[in-house]
PDB file of N, CA and C in Angstrom:
ATOM      1  N   MET A   1       0.870  -1.034   0.032  1.00  0.00           N
ATOM      2  CA  MET A   1      -0.057   0.030   0.159  1.00  0.00           C
ATOM      3  C   MET A   1       0.940   1.396  -0.038  1.00  0.00           C
ATOM      4  N   SER A   2       0.675   2.197  -0.732  1.00  0.00           N
ATOM      5  CA  SER A   2       1.407   3.246  -0.911  1.00  0.00           C
ATOM      6  C   SER A   2       1.074   4.245   0.243  1.00  0.00           C
ATOM      7  N   ASP A   3       1.907   5.226   0.494  1.00  0.00           N
ATOM      8  CA  ASP A   3       1.485   6.419   1.566  1.00  0.00           C
ATOM      9  C   ASP A   3       0.539   7.090   0.949  1.00  0.00           C
ATOM     10  N   ASP A   4       0.258   7.378  -0.292  1.00  0.00           N
ATOM     11  CA  ASP A   4      -1.071   8.124  -0.593  1.00  0.00           C
ATOM     12  C   ASP A   4      -2.235   7.396  -0.184  1.00  0.00           C
ATOM     13  N   THR A   5      -2.512   6.027  -0.118  1.00  0.00           N
ATOM     14  CA  THR A   5      -3.523   5.201   0.027  1.00  0.00           C
ATOM     15  C   THR A   5      -3.712   5.178   1.457  1.00  0.00           C
ATOM     16  N   LYS A   6      -2.744   5.296   2.438  1.00  0.00           N
ATOM     17  CA  LYS A   6      -2.923   5.087   3.755  1.00  0.00           C
ATOM     18  C   LYS A   6      -3.476   6.265   4.344  1.00  0.00           C
ATOM     19  N   GLN A   7      -4.605   6.089   5.115  1.00  0.00           N
ATOM     20  CA  GLN A   7      -5.208   7.008   5.897  1.00  0.00           C
ATOM     21  C   GLN A   7      -5.217   6.722   7.330  1.00  0.00           C
ATOM     22  N   LYS A   8      -4.796   7.818   8.091  1.00  0.00           N
ATOM     23  CA  LYS A   8      -4.906   7.579   9.585  1.00  0.00           C
ATOM     24  C   LYS A   8      -6.385   8.033  10.012  1.00  0.00           C
ATOM     25  N   VAL A   9      -6.923   7.029  10.895  1.00  0.00           N
ATOM     26  CA  VAL A   9      -8.289   7.306  11.639  1.00  0.00           C
ATOM     27  C   VAL A   9      -8.195   8.559  12.290  1.00  0.00           C
ATOM     28  N   GLN A  10      -9.199   9.303  11.930  1.00  0.00           N
ATOM     29  CA  GLN A  10      -9.243  10.826  12.617  1.00  0.00           C
ATOM     30  C   GLN A  10     -10.284  10.452  13.812  1.00  0.00           C
ATOM     31  N   LEU A  11      -9.765  10.677  15.066  1.00  0.00           N
ATOM     32  CA  LEU A  11     -10.421  10.494  16.338  1.00  0.00           C
ATOM     33  C   LEU A  11     -10.976  11.997  16.907  1.00  0.00           C
ATOM     34  N   GLU A  12     -11.959  12.092  17.452  1.00  0.00           N
ATOM     35  CA  GLU A  12     -12.281  13.327  18.291  1.00  0.00           C
ATOM     36  C   GLU A  12     -12.151  13.166  19.572  1.00  0.00           C
ATOM     37  N   TYR A  13     -11.204  13.701  20.162  1.00  0.00           N
ATOM     38  CA  TYR A  13     -11.092  13.888  21.610  1.00  0.00           C
ATOM     39  C   TYR A  13     -11.701  14.809  22.413  1.00  0.00           C
ATOM     40  N   PRO A  14     -12.291  14.449  23.799  1.00  0.00           N
ATOM     41  CA  PRO A  14     -11.940  13.040  24.315  1.00  0.00           C
ATOM     42  C   PRO A  14     -13.084  12.139  23.856  1.00  0.00           C
ATOM     43  N   CYS A  15     -12.537  10.806  23.855  1.00  0.00           N
ATOM     44  CA  CYS A  15     -13.407   9.753  23.214  1.00  0.00           C
ATOM     45  C   CYS A  15     -13.253   8.375  24.233  1.00  0.00           C
ATOM     46  N   LEU A  16     -14.087   7.563  24.152  1.00  0.00           N
ATOM     47  CA  LEU A  16     -14.193   6.234  24.751  1.00  0.00           C
ATOM     48  C   LEU A  16     -13.008   5.385  23.965  1.00  0.00           C
ATOM     49  N   TRP A  17     -12.120   4.625  24.662  1.00  0.00           N
ATOM     50  CA  TRP A  17     -11.301   3.877  23.970  1.00  0.00           C
ATOM     51  C   TRP A  17     -11.355   2.325  24.538  1.00  0.00           C
ATOM     52  N   VAL A  18     -11.143   1.385  23.945  1.00  0.00           N
ATOM     53  CA  VAL A  18     -11.085   0.002  24.538  1.00  0.00           C
ATOM     54  C   VAL A  18      -9.835  -0.628  24.265  1.00  0.00           C
ATOM     55  N   TYR A  19      -9.294  -0.875  25.523  1.00  0.00           N
ATOM     56  CA  TYR A  19      -7.904  -1.924  25.301  1.00  0.00           C
ATOM     57  C   TYR A  19      -8.251  -3.185  25.335  1.00  0.00           C
ATOM     58  N   LYS A  20      -7.692  -4.050  24.929  1.00  0.00           N
ATOM     59  CA  LYS A  20      -7.840  -5.554  25.042  1.00  0.00           C
ATOM     60  C   LYS A  20      -6.518  -5.874  25.799  1.00  0.00           C
ATOM     61  N   ILE A  21      -6.517  -6.739  27.021  1.00  0.00           N
ATOM     62  CA  ILE A  21      -5.386  -6.996  27.665  1.00  0.00           C
ATOM     63  C   ILE A  21      -5.488  -8.651  27.875  1.00  0.00           C
ATOM     64  N   ILE A  22      -4.367  -9.211  27.606  1.00  0.00           N
ATOM     65  CA  ILE A  22      -4.352 -10.792  27.875  1.00  0.00           C
ATOM     66  C   ILE A  22      -3.440 -11.167  28.914  1.00  0.00           C
ATOM     67  N   GLY A  23      -3.589 -11.777  29.589  1.00  0.00           N
ATOM     68  CA  GLY A  23      -2.493 -12.188  30.614  1.00  0.00           C
ATOM     69  C   GLY A  23      -2.952 -13.664  31.353  1.00  0.00           C
ATOM     70  N   SER A  24      -2.247 -14.052  32.092  1.00  0.00           N
ATOM     71  CA  SER A  24      -2.487 -15.602  32.747  1.00  0.00           C
ATOM     72  C   SER A  24      -3.188 -15.473  34.189  1.00  0.00           C
ATOM     73  N   ASN A  25      -2.978 -14.083  34.958  1.00  0.00           N
ATOM     74  CA  ASN A  25      -3.631 -14.303  35.974  1.00  0.00           C
ATOM     75  C   ASN A  25      -4.512 -13.084  36.324  1.00  0.00           C
ATOM     76  N   ILE A  26      -6.022 -13.258  36.358  1.00  0.00           N
ATOM     77  CA  ILE A  26      -6.843 -12.291  36.355  1.00  0.00           C
ATOM     78  C   ILE A  26      -6.750 -11.364  37.479  1.00  0.00           C
ATOM     79  N   ASP A  27      -6.473 -11.764  38.898  1.00  0.00           N
ATOM     80  CA  ASP A  27      -6.512 -10.879  39.854  1.00  0.00           C
ATOM     81  C   ASP A  27      -5.492 -10.059  39.744  1.00  0.00           C
ATOM     82  N   GLU A  28      -4.173 -10.500  39.158  1.00  0.00           N
ATOM     83  CA  GLU A  28      -2.880  -9.650  38.972  1.00  0.00           C
ATOM     84  C   GLU A  28      -3.240  -8.592  37.751  1.00  0.00           C
ATOM     85  N   MET A  29      -3.965  -8.882  36.777  1.00  0.00           N
ATOM     86  CA  MET A  29      -4.342  -8.092  35.683  1.00  0.00           C
ATOM     87  C   MET A  29      -5.225  -6.902  36.253  1.00  0.00           C
ATOM     88  N   HIS A  30      -6.416  -7.457  37.094  1.00  0.00           N
ATOM     89  CA  HIS A  30      -6.971  -6.245  37.753  1.00  0.00           C
ATOM     90  C   HIS A  30      -6.277  -5.239  38.521  1.00  0.00           C
ATOM     91  N   ARG A  31      -5.285  -5.949  39.389  1.00  0.00           N
ATOM     92  CA  ARG A  31      -4.708  -4.953  40.337  1.00  0.00           C
ATOM     93  C   ARG A  31      -3.614  -3.964  39.373  1.00  0.00           C
ATOM     94  N   ALA A  32      -3.022  -4.450  38.290  1.00  0.00           N
ATOM     95  CA  ALA A  32      -2.250  -3.714  37.572  1.00  0.00           C
ATOM     96  C   ALA A  32      -2.994  -2.536  36.723  1.00  0.00           C
ATOM     97  N   VAL A  33      -4.255  -3.014  36.279  1.00  0.00           N
ATOM     98  CA  VAL A  33      -4.850  -1.900  35.692  1.00  0.00           C
ATOM     99  C   VAL A  33      -5.308  -0.741  36.818  1.00  0.00           C
ATOM    100  N   ALA A  34      -5.777  -1.256  37.867  1.00  0.00           N
ATOM    101  CA  ALA A  34      -6.191  -0.083  38.862  1.00  0.00           C
ATOM    102  C   ALA A  34      -4.755   0.725  39.360  1.00  0.00           C
ATOM    103  N   GLU A  35      -3.617   0.161  39.256  1.00  0.00           N
ATOM    104  CA  GLU A  35      -2.337   0.807  39.626  1.00  0.00           C
ATOM    105  C   GLU A  35      -1.951   1.778  38.413  1.00  0.00           C
ATOM    106  N   ILE A  36      -2.046   1.430  37.333  1.00  0.00           N
ATOM    107  CA  ILE A  36      -1.914   2.204  36.116  1.00  0.00           C
ATOM    108  C   ILE A  36      -2.794   3.278  36.022  1.00  0.00           C
ATOM    109  N   ILE A  37      -4.250   3.204  35.988  1.00  0.00           N
ATOM    110  CA  ILE A  37      -5.097   4.032  35.545  1.00  0.00           C
ATOM    111  C   ILE A  37      -5.353   4.954  36.766  1.00  0.00           C
ATOM    112  N   GLN A  38      -5.355   4.308  37.991  1.00  0.00           N
ATOM    113  CA  GLN A  38      -5.565   5.213  39.434  1.00  0.00           C
ATOM    114  C   GLN A  38      -7.000   5.654  39.547  1.00  0.00           C
ATOM    115  N   ASP A  39      -7.013   6.867  39.583  1.00  0.00           N
ATOM    116  CA  ASP A  39      -8.314   7.693  40.008  1.00  0.00           C
ATOM    117  C   ASP A  39      -9.134   7.938  38.738  1.00  0.00           C
ATOM    118  N   ARG A  40      -8.731   7.534  37.647  1.00  0.00           N
ATOM    119  CA  ARG A  40      -9.555   7.823  36.497  1.00  0.00           C
ATOM    120  C   ARG A  40     -10.831   6.697  36.425  1.00  0.00           C
ATOM    121  N   HIS A  41     -11.876   7.236  35.961  1.00  0.00           N
ATOM    122  CA  HIS A  41     -12.937   6.094  35.800  1.00  0.00           C
ATOM    123  C   HIS A  41     -12.877   5.315  34.703  1.00  0.00           C
ATOM    124  N   TYR A  42     -12.904   3.842  34.692  1.00  0.00           N
ATOM    125  CA  TYR A  42     -12.868   3.025  33.542  1.00  0.00           C
ATOM    126  C   TYR A  42     -13.812   1.942  34.038  1.00  0.00           C
ATOM    127  N   THR A  43     -14.142   1.125  33.159  1.00  0.00           N
ATOM    128  CA  THR A  43     -14.852  -0.106  33.154  1.00  0.00           C
ATOM    129  C   THR A  43     -13.759  -1.225  32.650  1.00  0.00           C
ATOM    130  N   ILE A  44     -13.919  -2.175  33.273  1.00  0.00           N
ATOM    131  CA  ILE A  44     -13.129  -3.465  32.827  1.00  0.00           C
ATOM    132  C   ILE A  44     -14.188  -4.838  33.019  1.00  0.00           C
ATOM    133  N   SER A  45     -13.938  -5.409  31.738  1.00  0.00           N
ATOM    134  CA  SER A  45     -14.894  -6.618  31.573  1.00  0.00           C
ATOM    135  C   SER A  45     -14.256  -7.852  31.047  1.00  0.00           C
ATOM    136  N   HIS A  46     -14.637  -9.007  31.431  1.00  0.00           N
ATOM    137  CA  HIS A  46     -13.891 -10.217  30.940  1.00  0.00           C
ATOM    138  C   HIS A  46     -14.689 -10.370  29.623  1.00  0.00           C
ATOM    139  N   SER A  47     -13.644 -10.800  28.840  1.00  0.00           N
ATOM    140  CA  SER A  47     -13.997 -10.933  27.292  1.00  0.00           C
ATOM    141  C   SER A  47     -13.925 -12.305  26.958  1.00  0.00           C
ATOM    142  N   ARG A  48     -12.940 -13.057  27.339  1.00  0.00           N
ATOM    143  CA  ARG A  48     -12.867 -14.646  27.183  1.00  0.00           C
ATOM    144  C   ARG A  48     -11.355 -15.281  27.959  1.00  0.00           C
ATOM    145  N   SER A  49     -11.745 -16.509  27.869  1.00  0.00           N
ATOM    146  CA  SER A  49     -10.493 -17.208  28.416  1.00  0.00           C
ATOM    147  C   SER A  49     -10.193 -18.202  27.320  1.00  0.00           C
ATOM    148  N   SER A  50      -8.862 -18.722  27.442  1.00  0.00           N
ATOM    149  CA  SER A  50      -8.572 -19.790  26.593  1.00  0.00           C
ATOM    150  C   SER A  50      -9.310 -21.063  27.104  1.00  0.00           C
ATOM    151  N   GLU A  51      -9.352 -22.206  26.113  1.00  0.00           N
ATOM    152  CA  GLU A  51      -9.818 -23.476  26.365  1.00  0.00           C
ATOM    153  C   GLU A  51      -9.189 -24.012  27.656  1.00  0.00           C
ATOM    154  N   THR A  52      -8.046 -24.071  27.985  1.00  0.00           N
ATOM    155  CA  THR A  52      -7.477 -24.383  29.176  1.00  0.00           C
ATOM    156  C   THR A  52      -7.563 -23.477  30.429  1.00  0.00           C
ATOM    157  N   ALA A  53      -8.232 -22.240  29.957  1.00  0.00           N
ATOM    158  CA  ALA A  53      -8.082 -20.973  31.090  1.00  0.00           C
ATOM    159  C   ALA A  53      -6.623 -20.728  31.486  1.00  0.00           C
ATOM    160  N   LYS A  54      -5.710 -21.076  30.802  1.00  0.00           N
ATOM    161  CA  LYS A  54      -4.335 -20.360  30.921  1.00  0.00           C
ATOM    162  C   LYS A  54      -4.149 -18.969  30.909  1.00  0.00           C
ATOM    163  N   TYR A  55      -4.953 -18.473  29.900  1.00  0.00           N
ATOM    164  CA  TYR A  55      -4.810 -16.952  29.393  1.00  0.00           C
ATOM    165  C   TYR A  55      -6.288 -16.384  29.494  1.00  0.00           C
ATOM    166  N   HIS A  56      -6.267 -15.225  29.797  1.00  0.00           N
ATOM    167  CA  HIS A  56      -7.502 -14.640  29.749  1.00  0.00           C
ATOM    168  C   HIS A  56      -7.375 -13.091  29.089  1.00  0.00           C
ATOM    169  N   CYS A  57      -8.808 -12.828  28.308  1.00  0.00           N
ATOM    170  CA  CYS A  57      -8.691 -11.360  27.972  1.00  0.00           C
ATOM    171  C   CYS A  57      -9.614 -10.761  28.764  1.00  0.00           C
ATOM    172  N   LEU A  58      -9.225  -9.513  29.024  1.00  0.00           N
ATOM    173  CA  LEU A  58      -9.998  -8.505  29.588  1.00  0.00           C
ATOM    174  C   LEU A  58     -10.260  -7.032  28.685  1.00  0.00           C
ATOM    175  N   ASN A  59     -11.444  -6.465  28.753  1.00  0.00           N
ATOM    176  CA  ASN A  59     -11.661  -5.061  28.104  1.00  0.00           C
ATOM    177  C   ASN A  59     -11.460  -3.906  29.077  1.00  0.00           C
ATOM    178  N   ILE A  60     -10.696  -3.115  28.588  1.00  0.00           N
ATOM    179  CA  ILE A  60     -10.760  -1.891  29.568  1.00  0.00           C
ATOM    180  C   ILE A  60     -11.403  -0.595  28.807  1.00  0.00           C
ATOM    181  N   GLU A  61     -12.276  -0.148  29.248  1.00  0.00           N
ATOM    182  CA  GLU A  61     -12.940   1.060  28.453  1.00  0.00           C
ATOM    183  C   GLU A  61     -12.683   2.213  29.297  1.00  0.00           C
ATOM    184  N   ILE A  62     -12.090   3.155  28.626  1.00  0.00           N
ATOM    185  CA  ILE A  62     -11.694   4.704  29.436  1.00  0.00           C
ATOM    186  C   ILE A  62     -11.796   5.686  28.533  1.00  0.00           C
ATOM    187  N   SER A  63     -12.083   6.712  28.947  1.00  0.00           N
ATOM    188  CA  SER A  63     -11.955   7.928  28.270  1.00  0.00           C
ATOM    189  C   SER A  63     -10.579   8.693  28.028  1.00  0.00           C
ATOM    190  N   VAL A  64     -10.117   8.732  26.860  1.00  0.00           N
ATOM    191  CA  VAL A  64      -8.955   9.322  26.471  1.00  0.00           C
ATOM    192  C   VAL A  64      -8.822  10.717  26.022  1.00  0.00           C
ATOM    193  N   GLU A  65      -7.864  11.429  26.639  1.00  0.00           N
ATOM    194  CA  GLU A  65      -8.139  13.111  26.169  1.00  0.00           C
ATOM    195  C   GLU A  65      -7.463  13.291  24.999  1.00  0.00           C
ATOM    196  N   SER A  66      -6.475  12.546  24.477  1.00  0.00           N
ATOM    197  CA  SER A  66      -5.719  13.125  23.138  1.00  0.00           C
ATOM    198  C   SER A  66      -5.112  11.721  22.589  1.00  0.00           C
ATOM    199  N   ASP A  67      -4.585  11.928  21.459  1.00  0.00           N
ATOM    200  CA  ASP A  67      -3.661  10.724  20.811  1.00  0.00           C
ATOM    201  C   ASP A  67      -2.646  10.470  21.749  1.00  0.00           C
ATOM    202  N   SER A  68      -1.803  11.377  22.337  1.00  0.00           N
ATOM    203  CA  SER A  68      -0.859  11.133  23.283  1.00  0.00           C
ATOM    204  C   SER A  68      -1.257  10.517  24.452  1.00  0.00           C
ATOM    205  N   HIS A  69      -2.263  10.808  24.876  1.00  0.00           N
ATOM    206  CA  HIS A  69      -2.810  10.098  26.257  1.00  0.00           C
ATOM    207  C   HIS A  69      -3.107   8.681  25.984  1.00  0.00           C
ATOM    208  N   ARG A  70      -3.684   8.331  24.677  1.00  0.00           N
ATOM    209  CA  ARG A  70      -4.105   7.034  24.407  1.00  0.00           C
ATOM    210  C   ARG A  70      -2.956   6.242  24.285  1.00  0.00           C
ATOM    211  N   THR A  71      -1.926   6.891  23.513  1.00  0.00           N
ATOM    212  CA  THR A  71      -0.680   6.062  23.297  1.00  0.00           C
ATOM    213  C   THR A  71      -0.006   5.799  24.460  1.00  0.00           C
ATOM    214  N   SER A  72       0.137   6.773  25.594  1.00  0.00           N
ATOM    215  CA  SER A  72       0.831   6.567  26.631  1.00  0.00           C
ATOM    216  C   SER A  72       0.129   5.363  27.617  1.00  0.00           C
ATOM    217  N   LEU A  73      -1.038   5.345  27.657  1.00  0.00           N
ATOM    218  CA  LEU A  73      -1.613   4.362  28.449  1.00  0.00           C
ATOM    219  C   LEU A  73      -1.442   2.969  27.810  1.00  0.00           C
ATOM    220  N   TYR A  74      -1.429   3.072  26.470  1.00  0.00           N
ATOM    221  CA  TYR A  74      -1.030   1.651  25.780  1.00  0.00           C
ATOM    222  C   TYR A  74       0.407   1.264  26.165  1.00  0.00           C
ATOM    223  N   GLU A  75       1.245   2.176  26.089  1.00  0.00           N
ATOM    224  CA  GLU A  75       2.770   1.900  26.314  1.00  0.00           C
ATOM    225  C   GLU A  75       2.943   1.448  27.659  1.00  0.00           C
ATOM    226  N   THR A  76       2.240   2.256  28.677  1.00  0.00           N
ATOM    227  CA  THR A  76       2.393   1.831  30.155  1.00  0.00           C
ATOM    228  C   THR A  76       1.564   0.378  30.434  1.00  0.00           C
ATOM    229  N   LEU A  77       0.604   0.021  29.690  1.00  0.00           N
ATOM    230  CA  LEU A  77       0.100  -1.264  29.917  1.00  0.00           C
ATOM    231  C   LEU A  77       0.859  -2.260  29.453  1.00  0.00           C
ATOM    232  N   LYS A  78       1.300  -2.035  28.113  1.00  0.00           N
ATOM    233  CA  LYS A  78       2.068  -3.096  27.427  1.00  0.00           C
ATOM    234  C   LYS A  78       3.438  -3.363  28.240  1.00  0.00           C
ATOM    235  N   ALA A  79       4.069  -2.373  29.000  1.00  0.00           N
ATOM    236  CA  ALA A  79       5.176  -2.621  29.785  1.00  0.00           C
ATOM    237  C   ALA A  79       5.026  -3.346  31.012  1.00  0.00           C
ATOM    238  N   HIS A  80       3.772  -3.480  31.482  1.00  0.00           N
ATOM    239  CA  HIS A  80       3.514  -4.040  32.746  1.00  0.00           C
ATOM    240  C   HIS A  80       3.750  -5.599  32.510  1.00  0.00           C
ATOM    241  N   ARG A  81       4.358  -6.506  33.434  1.00  0.00           N
ATOM    242  CA  ARG A  81       4.718  -7.670  33.472  1.00  0.00           C
ATOM    243  C   ARG A  81       3.267  -8.565  33.692  1.00  0.00           C
ATOM    244  N   ALA A  82       2.070  -7.914  34.079  1.00  0.00           N
ATOM    245  CA  ALA A  82       0.767  -8.709  34.346  1.00  0.00           C
ATOM    246  C   ALA A  82       0.215  -9.028  33.036  1.00  0.00           C
ATOM    247  N   PHE A  83       0.711  -8.412  31.944  1.00  0.00           N
ATOM    248  CA  PHE A  83       0.020  -8.650  30.536  1.00  0.00           C
ATOM    249  C   PHE A  83       1.039  -9.333  29.729  1.00  0.00           C
ATOM    250  N   LYS A  84       0.549  -9.903  28.811  1.00  0.00           N
ATOM    251  CA  LYS A  84       1.356 -10.787  27.699  1.00  0.00           C
ATOM    252  C   LYS A  84       1.103 -10.237  26.541  1.00  0.00           C
ATOM    253  N   LEU A  85      -0.137  -9.261  26.373  1.00  0.00           N
ATOM    254  CA  LEU A  85      -0.316  -8.629  25.107  1.00  0.00           C
ATOM    255  C   LEU A  85      -1.402  -7.547  25.292  1.00  0.00           C
ATOM    256  N   VAL A  86      -1.318  -6.479  24.622  1.00  0.00           N
ATOM    257  CA  VAL A  86      -2.301  -5.348  24.678  1.00  0.00           C
ATOM    258  C   VAL A  86      -2.497  -5.105  23.275  1.00  0.00           C
ATOM    259  N   LEU A  87      -3.915  -4.922  23.057  1.00  0.00           N
ATOM    260  CA  LEU A  87      -4.367  -4.459  21.757  1.00  0.00           C
ATOM    261  C   LEU A  87      -5.283  -3.321  21.906  1.00  0.00           C
TER     262      LEU A  87
END
């Protein structure tokens, strides 16, 4: 795909954003989210678990103020040891 055909999605901030987090310990994941997001309002819900329940996917819905805020939260979540993958 050429640079001419690539289009960046334009978001209007503030907006609700959903991060999908995957990890192996649900309790540790919940604690990590609370530690990272702190006093901001968010909702967290269980999305699914692997067939063997070794991995769990949670959705975090939070209002983000800007592109840099959205990216910063993503990078902070991604860097935490409680999460195997952040989408």
